[in-house]
Protein backbone atom coordinates (compact mmCIF):
# COMPACT_ATOMS: atom_id res chain seq x y z
CA MET A 1 0.00 0.00 0.00
CA LYS A 2 1.26 3.45 -0.88
CA GLU A 3 -0.07 6.88 0.08
CA TYR A 4 0.20 10.20 -1.75
CA ARG A 5 -0.80 13.58 -0.32
CA PHE A 6 -1.85 16.54 -2.43
CA LYS A 7 -1.77 19.41 0.05
CA GLU A 8 -3.37 22.17 -2.04
CA ASN A 9 -6.47 20.03 -2.70
CA LYS A 10 -6.43 18.41 0.76
CA LEU A 11 -6.47 15.04 -0.94
CA LYS A 12 -4.94 11.74 0.07
CA VAL A 13 -4.65 8.98 -2.55
CA ILE A 14 -4.07 5.39 -1.44
CA LEU A 15 -3.03 2.63 -3.83
CA ASP A 16 -3.37 -1.00 -2.82
CA ASP A 17 -3.44 -4.30 -4.74
CA GLU A 18 -7.02 -3.98 -5.91
CA SER A 19 -8.07 -0.33 -5.75
CA ILE A 20 -7.32 3.36 -5.67
CA VAL A 21 -8.86 5.30 -2.77
CA PHE A 22 -9.48 9.06 -2.80
CA VAL A 23 -9.81 10.62 0.67
CA ARG A 24 -11.00 14.22 0.90
CA GLY A 25 -11.95 16.26 3.96
CA LYS A 26 -15.42 15.42 5.26
CA ASN A 27 -15.89 19.00 6.46
CA ASP A 28 -14.19 20.80 3.56
CA LEU A 29 -16.75 23.34 2.34
CA LYS A 30 -14.60 24.24 -0.68
CA ILE A 31 -15.56 21.00 -2.44
CA HIS A 32 -18.95 19.60 -3.39
CA LYS A 33 -20.48 17.37 -0.71
CA SER A 34 -20.56 14.37 -3.11
CA MET A 35 -16.74 14.47 -3.24
CA ARG A 36 -16.17 14.61 0.51
CA GLY A 37 -15.00 11.58 2.47
CA GLU A 38 -13.61 8.36 1.02
CA ASN A 39 -14.18 7.11 -2.52
CA LYS A 40 -12.82 3.68 -3.46
CA VAL A 41 -12.46 2.64 -7.11
CA PHE A 42 -11.51 -0.95 -7.88
CA PHE A 43 -9.08 -1.41 -10.77
CA ASN A 44 -11.44 -3.87 -12.48
CA GLN A 45 -14.04 -1.04 -12.67
CA ILE A 46 -11.80 1.41 -14.53
CA LEU A 47 -12.71 1.78 -18.19
CA GLY A 48 -10.18 4.46 -19.04
CA ILE A 49 -7.85 7.16 -17.83
CA LYS A 50 -8.05 10.79 -18.92
CA TYR A 51 -4.89 12.79 -18.42
CA GLN A 52 -3.74 16.33 -19.06
CA GLU A 53 -0.34 17.72 -18.10
CA PRO A 54 -0.17 21.04 -16.29
CA ALA A 55 0.68 24.06 -18.43
CA LEU A 56 2.17 27.42 -17.56
CA LEU A 57 -1.00 28.88 -16.05
CA LYS A 58 -3.16 25.78 -15.99
CA LYS A 59 -3.28 22.82 -13.62
CA GLY A 60 -3.19 19.25 -14.89
CA PHE A 61 -5.57 16.45 -14.07
CA ILE A 62 -5.89 12.70 -14.13
CA GLN A 63 -9.34 11.14 -14.06
CA PHE A 64 -10.39 7.49 -13.82
CA SER A 65 -13.56 6.64 -15.78
CA ILE A 66 -15.83 3.96 -14.33
CA PRO A 67 -19.04 2.31 -15.65
CA ARG A 68 -22.19 4.32 -15.38
CA THR A 69 -25.35 2.58 -16.40
CA ASN A 70 -26.09 -0.38 -18.56
CA ILE A 71 -28.39 0.95 -21.28
CA VAL A 72 -29.60 -1.76 -23.64
CA GLY A 73 -26.51 -3.85 -23.00
CA VAL A 74 -24.07 -0.99 -23.62
CA VAL A 75 -21.78 0.09 -20.81
CA ARG A 76 -21.19 3.82 -20.77
CA SER A 77 -18.46 5.51 -18.80
CA MET A 78 -18.95 8.10 -16.12
CA ASP A 79 -16.38 10.76 -15.41
CA GLN A 80 -16.70 11.89 -11.83
CA GLY A 81 -14.80 14.60 -10.06
CA ALA A 82 -14.54 12.22 -7.11
CA ASN A 83 -12.35 9.96 -9.29
CA ALA A 84 -10.00 12.76 -10.33
CA ILE A 85 -6.85 14.45 -9.11
CA VAL A 86 -6.07 18.05 -10.03
CA PHE A 87 -2.37 18.76 -9.73
CA ASN A 88 0.38 21.27 -10.46
CA LYS A 89 3.89 20.82 -11.85
CA ASN A 90 5.57 20.12 -8.51
CA GLU A 91 3.18 17.16 -8.00
CA GLN A 92 3.93 15.66 -11.42
CA GLU A 93 6.22 12.92 -10.06
CA MET A 94 3.49 11.59 -7.74
CA ILE A 95 0.98 11.62 -10.60
CA ASN A 96 3.40 9.69 -12.83
CA GLU A 97 3.79 7.02 -10.14
CA ILE A 98 0.01 6.74 -9.66
CA ARG A 99 -0.64 6.62 -13.41
CA ASN A 100 2.01 3.95 -14.02
CA TYR A 101 0.76 1.84 -11.11
CA VAL A 102 -2.87 1.95 -12.27
CA GLU A 103 -1.95 1.30 -15.93
CA ASN A 104 0.13 -1.73 -14.87
CA LYS A 105 -2.80 -3.06 -12.81
CA LEU A 106 -5.12 -2.62 -15.80
CA ARG A 107 -2.68 -4.51 -18.07
CA GLU A 108 -2.37 -7.33 -15.52
CA SER A 109 -6.16 -7.56 -15.39
CA LYS A 110 -6.40 -7.85 -19.20
CA VAL A 111 -3.80 -10.66 -19.27
CA THR A 112 -5.73 -12.55 -16.59
CA ASP A 113 -8.99 -12.06 -18.51
CA SER A 114 -7.49 -13.41 -21.74
CA GLU A 115 -5.99 -16.40 -19.92
CA SER A 116 -9.32 -17.30 -18.33
CA SER A 117 -10.99 -16.87 -21.72
CA SER A 118 -8.58 -19.41 -23.25
CA ILE A 119 -9.31 -21.90 -20.48
CA LYS A 120 -13.07 -21.51 -21.03
CA MET A 121 -12.61 -22.11 -24.76
CA LEU A 122 -10.50 -25.19 -24.08
CA LYS A 123 -13.23 -26.61 -21.82
CA GLU A 124 -15.80 -26.01 -24.55
CA TYR A 125 -13.64 -27.86 -27.09
CA LYS A 126 -13.22 -30.71 -24.60
CA GLU A 127 -17.00 -30.98 -24.33
CA LEU A 128 -17.24 -31.10 -28.12
CA LEU A 129 -14.63 -33.87 -28.14
CA ASP A 130 -16.50 -35.82 -25.47
CA MET A 131 -19.70 -35.54 -27.52
CA ASP A 132 -17.82 -36.82 -30.64
CA ILE A 133 -18.53 -33.58 -32.49
CA ILE A 134 -14.81 -32.97 -33.13
CA THR A 135 -11.93 -35.42 -33.47
CA GLN A 136 -9.00 -35.88 -31.09
CA ASP A 137 -6.71 -34.28 -33.70
CA GLU A 138 -8.96 -31.22 -33.98
CA PHE A 139 -9.04 -30.93 -30.18
CA GLU A 140 -5.23 -31.19 -29.91
CA SER A 141 -4.81 -28.57 -32.62
CA LYS A 142 -7.12 -26.11 -30.83
CA LYS A 143 -5.45 -26.91 -27.51
CA LYS A 144 -2.02 -25.97 -28.89
CA GLU A 145 -3.44 -22.82 -30.40
CA LEU A 146 -5.13 -21.69 -27.17
CA LEU A 147 -2.24 -22.52 -24.83
CA LYS A 148 0.41 -20.58 -26.75
């Protein structure tokens, strides 16, 4: 677990093995009440990352998009201020560490998903073999292909 503190925004960001946690002041009247307190986002919920570097007179931001609603089978993303960090140039190093950590977790998740998908496919081919729908040679060929 690693913690990052953004003093200007009174924000603490905590990274652990499965999530990113945003902790903002419960009594901070400078921020909207929906953003106060603790907001935990699991890595497997993150659909994308929006990022903008700080400029000369402009702050940067990083925002983690999560699913919103399931409308007719289509998942749409929701960009929430509670899932964002606004930062300036002297906080860039912390942002880079957070971004790299989250991106690595997202990549690991995709590898795991593709591995489990291959195993499911292999089980389906085994069922087809057991039902004599495909031959042993066809099964072995698909097995080699899926386990590469």
